[in-house]
Amino acid sequence: QLQLVESGGGLVQPGGSLRLSCATSGSTLEDYATGWFRQAPGKEREAVACISSSGRSTNYADSVKGRFTISRDNAKNTVYLQMNSLRPEDTAVYYCHASAVPYAYWGQGTQVTVSS
């Protein structure tokens, strides 16, 4: 069993930055591939970024490529999402996700609002 708790969301102006954290417990994080998803009002949940269990491989949605960076610190059991050059379109609830066959886990989500 893996528990995920996101933090770091909030209100930020366009062009600003936030760093989201996903603290994990209950299992060994290095066994899991992890990622961040988001869901904006009226839209489907979408994958934002993912990182392999080793941290050697990452992938990003085209909409965030070059602005967001996913990373993980297995020693601290934590996954991060650094978000720079934020836009109003980035406003959403951001969810941390972890998977290892045959299981998948989700955090509770953290709200990110980009507005002036």
Protein backbone atom coordinates (compact mmCIF):
# COMPACT_ATOMS: atom_id res chain seq x y z
CA GLN A 1 0.00 0.00 0.00
CA LEU A 2 1.31 3.40 -1.02
CA GLN A 3 -0.03 6.69 0.29
CA LEU A 4 0.47 9.91 -1.67
CA VAL A 5 0.02 13.41 -0.28
CA GLU A 6 0.40 16.45 -2.53
CA SER A 7 1.31 19.91 -1.34
CA GLY A 8 2.53 23.21 -2.75
CA GLY A 9 -0.50 24.36 -4.66
CA GLY A 10 -1.93 27.82 -4.39
CA LEU A 11 -2.60 31.07 -6.19
CA VAL A 12 0.09 32.47 -8.45
CA GLN A 13 0.21 35.22 -11.05
CA PRO A 14 0.80 34.46 -14.72
CA GLY A 15 4.49 33.98 -15.35
CA GLY A 16 5.09 32.85 -11.81
CA SER A 17 6.34 29.55 -10.47
CA LEU A 18 5.26 26.87 -8.06
CA ARG A 19 6.78 23.63 -6.90
CA LEU A 20 4.46 20.79 -6.08
CA SER A 21 5.55 17.99 -3.81
CA CYS A 22 4.18 14.49 -3.48
CA ALA A 23 5.20 12.83 -0.25
CA THR A 24 4.81 9.08 -0.25
CA SER A 25 4.74 6.49 2.47
CA GLY A 26 3.81 2.90 3.10
CA SER A 27 6.00 1.34 0.45
CA THR A 28 9.26 1.75 -1.43
CA LEU A 29 8.95 4.61 -3.89
CA GLU A 30 11.73 3.33 -6.12
CA ASP A 31 9.46 0.44 -7.09
CA TYR A 32 6.97 2.83 -8.71
CA ALA A 33 6.76 4.88 -11.83
CA THR A 34 5.20 8.21 -10.89
CA GLY A 35 3.58 11.16 -12.56
CA TRP A 36 1.44 14.22 -12.29
CA PHE A 37 -2.03 14.63 -13.74
CA ARG A 38 -4.32 17.61 -13.71
CA GLN A 39 -7.98 18.29 -14.18
CA ALA A 40 -9.34 21.71 -15.03
CA PRO A 41 -13.00 22.69 -14.70
CA GLY A 42 -15.02 21.24 -17.54
CA LYS A 43 -12.11 19.21 -18.88
CA GLU A 44 -10.92 15.64 -18.65
CA ARG A 45 -8.04 14.65 -16.45
CA GLU A 46 -4.82 14.78 -18.42
CA ALA A 47 -1.31 13.54 -17.89
CA VAL A 48 1.16 16.34 -17.33
CA ALA A 49 4.46 14.63 -16.64
CA CYS A 50 5.79 11.24 -15.70
CA ILE A 51 9.06 9.83 -14.50
CA SER A 52 10.33 6.28 -14.37
CA SER A 53 11.03 4.49 -11.12
CA SER A 54 14.75 5.09 -11.55
CA GLY A 55 14.30 8.73 -12.47
CA ARG A 56 16.24 8.24 -15.68
CA SER A 57 13.33 8.74 -18.06
CA THR A 58 10.77 11.54 -18.19
CA ASN A 59 7.92 12.54 -20.46
CA TYR A 60 5.83 15.70 -20.66
CA ALA A 61 2.63 16.86 -22.21
CA ASP A 62 3.28 19.20 -25.11
CA SER A 63 1.44 21.97 -23.30
CA VAL A 64 3.97 22.02 -20.45
CA LYS A 65 7.16 20.96 -22.19
CA GLY A 66 9.94 23.40 -21.48
CA ARG A 67 8.09 24.94 -18.54
CA PHE A 68 7.55 22.07 -16.11
CA THR A 69 10.09 19.66 -14.69
CA ILE A 70 9.31 16.43 -12.88
CA SER A 71 11.84 14.93 -10.54
CA ARG A 72 12.01 12.45 -7.72
CA ASP A 73 14.10 11.82 -4.67
CA ASN A 74 13.72 8.18 -3.78
CA ALA A 75 15.72 8.63 -0.60
CA LYS A 76 13.13 11.15 0.58
CA ASN A 77 10.21 9.22 -0.91
CA THR A 78 9.10 12.39 -2.67
CA VAL A 79 8.14 13.38 -6.21
CA TYR A 80 8.26 16.98 -7.36
CA LEU A 81 6.79 19.07 -10.13
CA GLN A 82 8.53 22.38 -10.74
CA MET A 83 6.20 24.65 -12.68
CA ASN A 84 7.61 27.78 -14.30
CA SER A 85 6.12 30.39 -16.61
CA LEU A 86 2.67 29.51 -15.41
CA ARG A 87 -0.32 30.42 -17.53
CA PRO A 88 -4.01 30.74 -16.67
CA GLU A 89 -4.58 27.59 -18.71
CA ASP A 90 -2.52 25.70 -16.14
CA THR A 91 -5.22 26.25 -13.54
CA ALA A 92 -6.37 22.84 -12.35
CA VAL A 93 -6.32 20.36 -9.54
CA TYR A 94 -3.03 18.52 -9.75
CA TYR A 95 -2.83 14.88 -8.73
CA CYS A 96 0.16 12.73 -7.96
CA HIS A 97 0.06 9.22 -9.37
CA ALA A 98 2.17 6.13 -8.78
CA SER A 99 1.96 2.78 -10.48
CA ALA A 100 3.57 -0.61 -10.24
CA VAL A 101 1.87 -3.59 -11.83
CA PRO A 102 -0.77 -4.51 -10.87
CA TYR A 103 -1.55 -1.51 -8.68
CA ALA A 104 -2.00 2.22 -9.08
CA TYR A 105 -2.37 4.94 -6.47
CA TRP A 106 -3.57 8.53 -6.45
CA GLY A 107 -3.12 11.44 -4.13
CA GLN A 108 -5.94 13.69 -3.02
CA GLY A 109 -4.98 16.56 -5.32
CA THR A 110 -3.81 20.11 -4.79
CA GLN A 111 -5.34 23.20 -6.37
CA VAL A 112 -3.22 25.40 -8.61
CA THR A 113 -4.77 28.69 -9.69
CA VAL A 114 -2.98 31.00 -12.11
CA SER A 115 -4.64 34.38 -12.17
CA SER A 116 -3.85 38.06 -11.97
